[in-house]
Amino acid sequence: MNQTGRTGPKAELGAFLRSRRARMRPEDAGLRSFGSRRRVPGLRREELAQLAGVSVDYYTSHSSIRAG
């Protein structure tokens, strides 16, 4: 069970991706940081999708347990 109380492979994948994204800073990936204040720690979804070479929608659909 993850922090939202949901279980299953999709919830586990989402929790894994969020935890790994939170560990990195933009500077760690060679990206410029625009401002020091971020709502959540780590890379933004857009930054990670760019680095992975996938669309933001594709990444979001795999990292969000709400996606259908």
N, C-alpha and C. Protein backbone atom coordinates (compact mmCIF):
# COMPACT_ATOMS: atom_id res chain seq x y z
N MET A 1 0.85 -1.17 0.00
CA MET A 1 0.00 0.00 0.00
C MET A 1 0.90 1.24 0.00
N ASN A 2 0.56 2.23 -0.83
CA ASN A 2 1.37 3.44 -0.86
C ASN A 2 0.74 4.52 0.01
N GLN A 3 1.31 5.73 -0.04
CA GLN A 3 0.87 6.78 0.87
C GLN A 3 -0.56 7.26 0.60
N THR A 4 -1.12 6.97 -0.58
CA THR A 4 -2.50 7.35 -0.85
C THR A 4 -3.48 6.26 -0.44
N GLY A 5 -2.95 5.14 0.04
CA GLY A 5 -3.80 4.05 0.47
C GLY A 5 -4.21 3.10 -0.64
N ARG A 6 -3.64 3.29 -1.83
CA ARG A 6 -3.98 2.42 -2.95
C ARG A 6 -2.89 1.39 -3.16
N THR A 7 -3.27 0.26 -3.69
CA THR A 7 -2.32 -0.81 -3.95
C THR A 7 -2.41 -1.23 -5.41
N GLY A 8 -1.50 -2.06 -5.81
CA GLY A 8 -1.49 -2.58 -7.16
C GLY A 8 -0.28 -2.12 -7.93
N PRO A 9 -0.04 -2.73 -9.08
CA PRO A 9 1.15 -2.42 -9.86
C PRO A 9 1.23 -0.96 -10.30
N LYS A 10 0.12 -0.38 -10.72
CA LYS A 10 0.15 1.02 -11.19
C LYS A 10 0.47 1.96 -10.04
N ALA A 11 -0.10 1.71 -8.86
CA ALA A 11 0.18 2.55 -7.69
C ALA A 11 1.64 2.41 -7.27
N GLU A 12 2.17 1.19 -7.34
CA GLU A 12 3.57 0.97 -6.99
C GLU A 12 4.51 1.66 -7.97
N LEU A 13 4.20 1.60 -9.26
CA LEU A 13 5.01 2.27 -10.26
C LEU A 13 4.98 3.78 -10.03
N GLY A 14 3.81 4.34 -9.78
CA GLY A 14 3.70 5.77 -9.53
C GLY A 14 4.50 6.20 -8.31
N ALA A 15 4.43 5.43 -7.25
CA ALA A 15 5.18 5.75 -6.04
C ALA A 15 6.69 5.68 -6.30
N PHE A 16 7.11 4.68 -7.05
CA PHE A 16 8.53 4.54 -7.39
C PHE A 16 9.02 5.73 -8.20
N LEU A 17 8.27 6.10 -9.24
CA LEU A 17 8.67 7.22 -10.09
C LEU A 17 8.71 8.53 -9.32
N ARG A 18 7.73 8.76 -8.46
CA ARG A 18 7.73 9.99 -7.66
C ARG A 18 8.91 10.03 -6.70
N SER A 19 9.24 8.91 -6.09
CA SER A 19 10.36 8.90 -5.14
C SER A 19 11.68 9.17 -5.84
N ARG A 20 11.86 8.62 -7.04
CA ARG A 20 13.11 8.84 -7.78
C ARG A 20 13.19 10.27 -8.30
N ARG A 21 12.08 10.82 -8.74
CA ARG A 21 12.06 12.21 -9.24
C ARG A 21 12.38 13.18 -8.12
N ALA A 22 11.94 12.89 -6.90
CA ALA A 22 12.16 13.77 -5.76
C ALA A 22 13.63 13.80 -5.33
N ARG A 23 14.39 12.78 -5.70
CA ARG A 23 15.80 12.71 -5.28
C ARG A 23 16.73 13.58 -6.10
N MET A 24 16.28 14.04 -7.26
CA MET A 24 17.15 14.80 -8.15
C MET A 24 16.83 16.28 -8.13
N ARG A 25 17.88 17.07 -8.32
CA ARG A 25 17.71 18.51 -8.50
C ARG A 25 17.99 18.80 -9.98
N PRO A 26 17.46 19.89 -10.51
CA PRO A 26 17.73 20.21 -11.92
C PRO A 26 19.23 20.25 -12.23
N GLU A 27 20.01 20.79 -11.30
CA GLU A 27 21.45 20.89 -11.51
C GLU A 27 22.10 19.51 -11.65
N ASP A 28 21.55 18.51 -10.96
CA ASP A 28 22.08 17.15 -11.04
C ASP A 28 21.94 16.58 -12.45
N ALA A 29 20.93 17.05 -13.17
CA ALA A 29 20.66 16.54 -14.51
C ALA A 29 21.17 17.46 -15.61
N GLY A 30 21.89 18.51 -15.21
CA GLY A 30 22.43 19.44 -16.19
C GLY A 30 21.42 20.47 -16.67
N LEU A 31 20.34 20.68 -15.94
CA LEU A 31 19.33 21.66 -16.29
C LEU A 31 19.50 22.93 -15.47
N ARG A 32 19.06 24.04 -16.02
CA ARG A 32 19.08 25.29 -15.28
C ARG A 32 17.91 25.31 -14.31
N SER A 33 18.15 25.85 -13.15
CA SER A 33 17.09 26.00 -12.16
C SER A 33 16.57 27.43 -12.23
N PHE A 34 15.28 27.58 -12.41
CA PHE A 34 14.67 28.89 -12.48
C PHE A 34 14.03 29.19 -11.13
N GLY A 35 14.78 29.88 -10.29
CA GLY A 35 14.29 30.19 -8.96
C GLY A 35 14.60 29.06 -8.01
N SER A 36 14.61 29.38 -6.74
CA SER A 36 14.96 28.37 -5.75
C SER A 36 13.72 27.73 -5.11
N ARG A 37 12.56 28.28 -5.34
CA ARG A 37 11.37 27.76 -4.69
C ARG A 37 10.61 26.81 -5.61
N ARG A 38 10.39 25.61 -5.11
CA ARG A 38 9.62 24.60 -5.83
C ARG A 38 8.55 24.06 -4.90
N ARG A 39 7.42 23.71 -5.45
CA ARG A 39 6.31 23.21 -4.63
C ARG A 39 6.61 21.82 -4.06
N VAL A 40 7.33 21.03 -4.82
CA VAL A 40 7.73 19.70 -4.37
C VAL A 40 9.23 19.55 -4.60
N PRO A 41 9.89 18.69 -3.85
CA PRO A 41 11.33 18.51 -4.07
C PRO A 41 11.61 17.78 -5.38
N GLY A 42 12.74 18.06 -5.95
CA GLY A 42 13.18 17.32 -7.11
C GLY A 42 12.78 17.92 -8.43
N LEU A 43 12.87 17.08 -9.47
CA LEU A 43 12.56 17.53 -10.82
C LEU A 43 11.07 17.67 -11.03
N ARG A 44 10.71 18.60 -11.89
CA ARG A 44 9.31 18.72 -12.31
C ARG A 44 9.04 17.65 -13.36
N ARG A 45 7.77 17.31 -13.53
CA ARG A 45 7.41 16.29 -14.53
C ARG A 45 7.91 16.68 -15.91
N GLU A 46 7.78 17.95 -16.25
CA GLU A 46 8.21 18.42 -17.56
C GLU A 46 9.71 18.22 -17.77
N GLU A 47 10.48 18.46 -16.72
CA GLU A 47 11.92 18.30 -16.82
C GLU A 47 12.29 16.83 -16.99
N LEU A 48 11.66 15.98 -16.24
CA LEU A 48 11.95 14.55 -16.34
C LEU A 48 11.54 14.00 -17.70
N ALA A 49 10.38 14.40 -18.19
CA ALA A 49 9.93 13.94 -19.50
C ALA A 49 10.91 14.37 -20.59
N GLN A 50 11.39 15.60 -20.50
CA GLN A 50 12.36 16.10 -21.47
C GLN A 50 13.63 15.25 -21.43
N LEU A 51 14.13 14.97 -20.25
CA LEU A 51 15.35 14.16 -20.12
C LEU A 51 15.14 12.74 -20.64
N ALA A 52 13.94 12.20 -20.43
CA ALA A 52 13.65 10.82 -20.85
C ALA A 52 13.28 10.72 -22.33
N GLY A 53 13.00 11.86 -22.95
CA GLY A 53 12.63 11.83 -24.37
C GLY A 53 11.21 11.37 -24.61
N VAL A 54 10.33 11.60 -23.64
CA VAL A 54 8.92 11.24 -23.77
C VAL A 54 8.07 12.49 -23.54
N SER A 55 6.80 12.40 -23.90
CA SER A 55 5.91 13.54 -23.67
C SER A 55 5.53 13.62 -22.20
N VAL A 56 5.15 14.81 -21.78
CA VAL A 56 4.71 15.00 -20.41
C VAL A 56 3.46 14.15 -20.15
N ASP A 57 2.56 14.07 -21.12
CA ASP A 57 1.36 13.25 -20.95
C ASP A 57 1.70 11.78 -20.74
N TYR A 58 2.67 11.29 -21.50
CA TYR A 58 3.08 9.89 -21.35
C TYR A 58 3.64 9.65 -19.95
N TYR A 59 4.55 10.52 -19.51
CA TYR A 59 5.12 10.35 -18.18
C TYR A 59 4.05 10.45 -17.11
N THR A 60 3.16 11.42 -17.22
CA THR A 60 2.11 11.62 -16.22
C THR A 60 1.19 10.41 -16.15
N SER A 61 0.88 9.83 -17.29
CA SER A 61 -0.02 8.67 -17.28
C SER A 61 0.60 7.48 -16.57
N HIS A 62 1.93 7.41 -16.52
CA HIS A 62 2.59 6.31 -15.83
C HIS A 62 2.95 6.62 -14.39
N SER A 63 2.99 7.89 -14.03
CA SER A 63 3.37 8.23 -12.67
C SER A 63 2.18 8.57 -11.79
N SER A 64 1.02 8.75 -12.38
CA SER A 64 -0.16 9.13 -11.62
C SER A 64 -1.10 7.95 -11.46
N ILE A 65 -1.55 7.68 -10.25
CA ILE A 65 -2.47 6.57 -10.04
C ILE A 65 -3.88 6.93 -10.48
N ARG A 66 -4.11 8.22 -10.76
CA ARG A 66 -5.43 8.65 -11.21
C ARG A 66 -5.64 8.44 -12.69
N ALA A 67 -4.56 8.21 -13.42
CA ALA A 67 -4.68 8.06 -14.87
C ALA A 67 -5.43 6.77 -15.21
N GLY A 68 -6.14 6.79 -16.28
CA GLY A 68 -6.94 5.66 -16.66
C GLY A 68 -6.26 4.77 -17.55
